[in-house]
Amino acid sequence: MYESAHLISSKTTTQFDEFPMRDEVADYPSHGDLREYFTDFAKHFGLIDGFSFDTEVIDTEVINDEQSSGGWLVTTRDADGNESTHQHAGVIAANGTLSEPTIPTFAGEFGGEIMHTSAYKSARIFTDKRVLIIGAGNSGCDIAVDAVHHAKSIDMSVRRGYYFVPKYLFGKPADTLNQGKPLPPKIKQAIDTRILRQFTGDPSRFGFPSRTTRSMSRTPSSTPWCCITRGTATCRCAPMSIGSKKLASASKTAASPNTT
């Protein structure tokens, strides 16, 4: 987890209603705040006693007995090899499909460093370097905000136009507006598009491709846009030929986020 990581959703829309986050937690909690919140939540509701680490699930079976309350029989094996079976109300299969980074391969040669966002920790690695960020997903925008204060220059390579949503609109966290009063999708898209045009302008003036989709039809990127455009380095979007010599000459360090 990188040092500057914060949620892209506000604490109001992230917290459980029955266990609100502390008042002193910022509108957009850091990864440290979220870790403390989950820990406090588990302690408050007595969940910790049910945790079993270094334990393998070796079998699950649905209980179809009409005399019972239903649920699942789960058989586990602990670190010492001891097996046990317990009844549970439900089973969640968290198979970790995103736990391993996908690193692309490119034709040609590149003499610099290629880094996936899963390995990124601190913006200090960008000091006085030319940086190419591939993709403008939320992690890519986070890293761009970090890099503008350290890097010599920054380029972003994207496949399409993006809607960049500021974290605050009208002085409030953007995702708290219109809560509880959903609008029809087409009306909401029309309103959102006009609001974003007023707050962020047209990203194509920085070299980004023109947007061809409606707002919120794909996952937007939430970022403090002013930090990208007003940092000590210049962040621009320029066409890149991935795998070509042009890519190699464009950057000495490349941070490759998951794109949306």
Protein backbone atom coordinates (compact mmCIF):
# COMPACT_ATOMS: atom_id res chain seq x y z
CA MET A 1 0.00 0.00 0.00
CA TYR A 2 1.43 3.36 -0.97
CA GLU A 3 1.89 6.07 1.65
CA SER A 4 -0.60 8.55 0.19
CA ALA A 5 -3.46 6.09 -0.46
CA HIS A 6 -6.89 7.39 0.52
CA LEU A 7 -10.37 6.11 -0.25
CA ILE A 8 -12.04 7.42 -3.39
CA SER A 9 -15.39 7.24 -1.59
CA SER A 10 -16.12 9.45 1.39
CA LYS A 11 -16.53 8.07 4.87
CA THR A 12 -20.25 8.89 4.73
CA THR A 13 -20.85 6.45 1.88
CA THR A 14 -18.24 3.92 3.07
CA GLN A 15 -19.06 3.40 6.75
CA PHE A 16 -21.63 0.99 8.12
CA ASP A 17 -24.73 2.83 9.34
CA GLU A 18 -24.67 0.99 12.65
CA PHE A 19 -21.00 1.84 13.24
CA PRO A 20 -20.07 5.32 11.92
CA MET A 21 -16.46 6.40 11.59
CA ARG A 22 -15.06 8.72 14.24
CA ASP A 23 -15.72 12.45 13.81
CA GLU A 24 -12.00 13.21 13.62
CA VAL A 25 -11.53 10.96 10.57
CA ALA A 26 -11.18 13.02 7.39
CA ASP A 27 -13.90 13.05 4.73
CA TYR A 28 -11.74 10.73 2.62
CA PRO A 29 -10.05 8.31 5.06
CA SER A 30 -6.48 7.15 4.60
CA HIS A 31 -5.59 3.47 4.43
CA GLY A 32 -4.47 3.75 8.06
CA ASP A 33 -7.85 5.18 9.09
CA LEU A 34 -9.62 2.34 7.30
CA ARG A 35 -7.45 -0.29 8.98
CA GLU A 36 -8.28 1.18 12.39
CA TYR A 37 -11.98 1.34 11.48
CA PHE A 38 -12.13 -2.33 10.50
CA THR A 39 -10.25 -3.29 13.66
CA ASP A 40 -12.60 -1.26 15.86
CA PHE A 41 -15.62 -2.69 14.02
CA ALA A 42 -14.44 -6.26 14.60
CA LYS A 43 -13.82 -5.60 18.31
CA HIS A 44 -17.15 -3.82 18.80
CA PHE A 45 -19.20 -6.65 17.29
CA GLY A 46 -17.13 -9.48 18.78
CA LEU A 47 -15.87 -10.81 15.47
CA ILE A 48 -12.22 -11.33 16.39
CA ASP A 49 -12.89 -14.50 18.40
CA GLY A 50 -14.18 -16.09 15.21
CA PHE A 51 -11.05 -15.38 13.16
CA SER A 52 -8.79 -18.32 12.31
CA PHE A 53 -5.50 -17.55 10.58
CA ASP A 54 -3.19 -20.04 8.83
CA THR A 55 -6.25 -22.19 8.27
CA GLU A 56 -7.15 -24.00 5.05
CA VAL A 57 -10.75 -24.64 3.99
CA ILE A 58 -10.78 -28.14 2.56
CA ASP A 59 -14.51 -28.75 2.13
CA THR A 60 -17.86 -26.93 2.16
CA GLU A 61 -21.26 -28.60 2.06
CA VAL A 62 -24.77 -27.16 1.96
CA ILE A 63 -27.01 -28.38 4.77
CA ASN A 64 -30.26 -29.63 3.24
CA ASP A 65 -31.70 -31.16 6.40
CA GLU A 66 -35.25 -29.86 6.83
CA GLN A 67 -34.92 -30.28 10.60
CA SER A 68 -32.04 -27.83 10.81
CA SER A 69 -31.84 -24.09 10.24
CA GLY A 70 -29.81 -24.61 7.07
CA GLY A 71 -26.45 -23.08 6.33
CA TRP A 72 -23.14 -24.72 5.53
CA LEU A 73 -20.81 -27.33 6.99
CA VAL A 74 -17.25 -26.08 6.62
CA THR A 75 -14.27 -28.36 7.17
CA THR A 76 -10.92 -26.72 7.86
CA ARG A 77 -7.34 -27.76 8.52
CA ASP A 78 -5.12 -25.69 10.81
CA ALA A 79 -1.36 -25.16 10.68
CA ASP A 80 -0.78 -28.29 12.78
CA GLY A 81 -2.81 -30.46 10.41
CA ASN A 82 -5.84 -30.80 12.69
CA GLU A 83 -9.18 -30.97 10.86
CA SER A 84 -12.52 -29.79 12.23
CA THR A 85 -16.03 -29.18 10.89
CA HIS A 86 -18.31 -26.35 11.95
CA GLN A 87 -21.71 -25.06 10.88
CA HIS A 88 -21.95 -21.55 9.46
CA ALA A 89 -24.85 -19.45 8.22
CA GLY A 90 -23.08 -18.56 4.97
CA VAL A 91 -19.89 -18.89 2.97
CA ILE A 92 -18.07 -16.13 1.07
CA ALA A 93 -15.60 -17.26 -1.61
CA ALA A 94 -12.89 -14.56 -1.60
CA ASN A 95 -10.64 -16.06 -4.24
CA GLY A 96 -8.39 -13.04 -4.67
CA THR A 97 -8.56 -12.68 -8.45
CA LEU A 98 -6.83 -9.29 -8.17
CA SER A 99 -4.19 -10.34 -5.66
CA GLU A 100 -1.54 -10.94 -8.33
CA PRO A 101 -0.57 -8.03 -10.63
CA THR A 102 -0.80 -8.50 -14.38
CA ILE A 103 2.43 -7.25 -15.92
CA PRO A 104 2.23 -6.67 -19.69
CA THR A 105 5.08 -7.51 -22.02
CA PHE A 106 6.16 -5.12 -24.76
CA ALA A 107 8.09 -5.60 -27.96
CA GLY A 108 11.41 -3.83 -28.23
CA GLU A 109 13.72 -2.71 -25.46
CA PHE A 110 13.35 -0.30 -22.55
CA GLY A 111 16.31 0.51 -20.35
CA GLY A 112 14.42 2.12 -17.48
CA GLU A 113 12.40 0.73 -14.61
CA ILE A 114 8.89 -0.68 -15.07
CA MET A 115 6.76 -0.77 -11.93
CA HIS A 116 3.22 -1.98 -11.26
CA THR A 117 1.19 0.06 -8.77
CA SER A 118 1.12 -2.90 -6.39
CA ALA A 119 4.86 -2.32 -5.82
CA TYR A 120 4.58 1.47 -5.46
CA LYS A 121 5.12 2.81 -1.94
CA SER A 122 6.49 6.35 -1.97
CA ALA A 123 6.76 9.24 -4.42
CA ARG A 124 10.40 9.71 -3.46
CA ILE A 125 11.36 7.14 -6.09
CA PHE A 126 10.32 9.68 -8.76
CA THR A 127 12.75 12.40 -7.71
CA ASP A 128 14.29 14.07 -10.80
CA LYS A 129 13.02 11.32 -13.12
CA ARG A 130 10.87 11.40 -16.23
CA VAL A 131 7.76 9.34 -15.47
CA LEU A 132 5.24 7.67 -17.76
CA ILE A 133 1.99 6.55 -16.12
CA ILE A 134 0.02 4.06 -18.16
CA GLY A 135 -3.70 4.42 -17.58
CA ALA A 136 -5.79 7.02 -15.75
CA GLY A 137 -7.57 4.80 -13.27
CA ASN A 138 -7.83 5.93 -9.67
CA SER A 139 -4.45 4.49 -8.69
CA GLY A 140 -2.83 6.06 -11.75
CA CYS A 141 -4.25 9.47 -10.87
CA ASP A 142 -3.13 9.08 -7.25
CA ILE A 143 0.42 8.41 -8.43
CA ALA A 144 0.30 11.34 -10.86
CA VAL A 145 -0.66 13.63 -7.96
CA ASP A 146 2.31 12.27 -5.98
CA ALA A 147 4.73 12.46 -8.87
CA VAL A 148 4.13 16.08 -9.84
CA HIS A 149 5.86 17.17 -6.62
CA HIS A 150 9.00 15.09 -7.22
CA ALA A 151 9.45 14.10 -10.87
CA LYS A 152 11.20 16.08 -13.58
CA SER A 153 8.29 15.47 -15.96
CA ILE A 154 5.22 13.24 -16.18
CA ASP A 155 3.37 11.78 -19.13
CA MET A 156 0.13 9.76 -19.02
CA SER A 157 -0.81 7.24 -21.69
CA VAL A 158 -4.52 6.40 -21.94
CA ARG A 159 -6.78 4.43 -24.27
CA ARG A 160 -9.79 6.75 -24.19
CA GLY A 161 -11.19 9.94 -22.73
CA TYR A 162 -11.96 10.08 -19.01
CA TYR A 163 -14.27 11.93 -16.68
CA PHE A 164 -12.19 13.23 -13.79
CA VAL A 165 -14.44 13.72 -10.77
CA PRO A 166 -13.19 16.14 -8.10
CA LYS A 167 -13.46 14.85 -4.55
CA TYR A 168 -15.44 17.92 -3.52
CA LEU A 169 -18.37 19.61 -5.27
CA PHE A 170 -20.04 22.67 -3.77
CA GLY A 171 -17.96 22.21 -0.62
CA LYS A 172 -19.15 18.65 0.05
CA PRO A 173 -17.74 15.21 -0.81
CA ALA A 174 -18.88 14.56 -4.38
CA ASP A 175 -20.45 11.18 -3.63
CA THR A 176 -22.72 12.60 -0.93
CA LEU A 177 -24.69 14.83 -3.30
CA ASN A 178 -28.22 13.68 -4.10
CA GLN A 179 -28.02 10.86 -1.53
CA GLY A 180 -31.33 9.11 -1.00
CA LYS A 181 -32.95 10.84 -3.98
CA PRO A 182 -31.90 8.87 -7.07
CA LEU A 183 -32.57 10.45 -10.43
CA PRO A 184 -33.30 8.60 -13.68
CA PRO A 185 -29.93 7.63 -15.25
CA LYS A 186 -30.23 9.89 -18.32
CA ILE A 187 -31.16 12.93 -16.22
CA LYS A 188 -28.36 12.26 -13.76
CA GLN A 189 -25.82 11.82 -16.59
CA ALA A 190 -26.91 15.11 -18.15
CA ILE A 191 -26.61 16.97 -14.84
CA ASP A 192 -23.29 15.32 -13.91
CA THR A 193 -21.80 16.15 -17.31
CA ARG A 194 -22.67 19.84 -16.95
CA ILE A 195 -21.35 19.99 -13.36
CA LEU A 196 -18.07 18.30 -14.27
CA ARG A 197 -17.62 20.63 -17.23
CA GLN A 198 -17.91 23.58 -14.87
CA PHE A 199 -15.59 22.19 -12.20
CA THR A 200 -12.88 20.43 -14.24
CA GLY A 201 -13.27 21.81 -17.75
CA ASP A 202 -12.27 19.77 -20.75
CA PRO A 203 -9.29 17.43 -20.05
CA SER A 204 -8.52 17.41 -23.77
CA ARG A 205 -6.78 20.76 -23.31
CA PHE A 206 -4.03 18.80 -21.55
CA GLY A 207 -3.77 16.32 -24.41
CA PHE A 208 -6.25 13.71 -23.20
CA PRO A 209 -8.52 12.11 -25.82
CA SER A 210 -12.00 13.57 -26.17
CA ARG A 211 -14.65 11.73 -24.17
CA THR A 212 -17.02 9.65 -26.27
CA THR A 213 -19.18 8.13 -23.51
CA ARG A 214 -21.74 9.55 -21.12
CA SER A 215 -20.64 10.42 -17.61
CA MET A 216 -20.81 7.49 -15.17
CA SER A 217 -21.30 4.99 -18.01
CA ARG A 218 -17.86 3.72 -16.99
CA THR A 219 -15.96 3.96 -13.74
CA PRO A 220 -14.78 7.57 -13.37
CA SER A 221 -11.48 8.64 -11.88
CA SER A 222 -11.69 10.52 -8.59
CA THR A 223 -8.72 12.78 -8.02
CA PRO A 224 -7.72 16.25 -6.82
CA TRP A 225 -7.33 17.44 -10.43
CA CYS A 226 -5.76 20.75 -9.44
CA CYS A 227 -2.82 18.85 -7.90
CA ILE A 228 -2.07 17.24 -11.26
CA THR A 229 -2.26 20.48 -13.18
CA ARG A 230 -0.47 22.73 -10.66
CA GLY A 231 2.38 20.62 -9.33
CA THR A 232 6.05 21.44 -9.58
CA ALA A 233 6.33 19.22 -12.68
CA THR A 234 4.22 19.33 -15.82
CA CYS A 235 1.77 16.48 -16.29
CA ARG A 236 0.61 15.99 -19.85
CA CYS A 237 -1.06 13.34 -21.94
CA ALA A 238 0.77 12.46 -25.14
CA PRO A 239 0.22 9.60 -27.63
CA MET A 240 2.62 6.74 -27.00
CA SER A 241 3.44 3.66 -29.03
CA ILE A 242 3.66 0.97 -26.37
CA GLY A 243 6.65 -1.26 -26.94
CA SER A 244 8.35 1.04 -29.40
CA LYS A 245 11.56 3.04 -29.10
CA LYS A 246 9.40 6.11 -28.58
CA LEU A 247 8.18 4.68 -25.28
CA ALA A 248 11.74 3.99 -24.18
CA SER A 249 12.77 7.56 -24.86
CA ALA A 250 9.71 9.04 -23.16
CA SER A 251 10.36 7.89 -19.64
CA LYS A 252 13.01 6.55 -17.34
CA THR A 253 10.48 5.23 -14.84
CA ALA A 254 7.05 3.85 -15.73
CA ALA A 255 4.32 3.22 -13.17
CA SER A 256 1.59 1.01 -14.64
CA PRO A 257 -1.78 1.22 -12.84
CA ASN A 258 -4.85 -0.87 -13.50
CA THR A 259 -6.94 1.11 -15.96
CA THR A 260 -10.71 1.36 -15.81
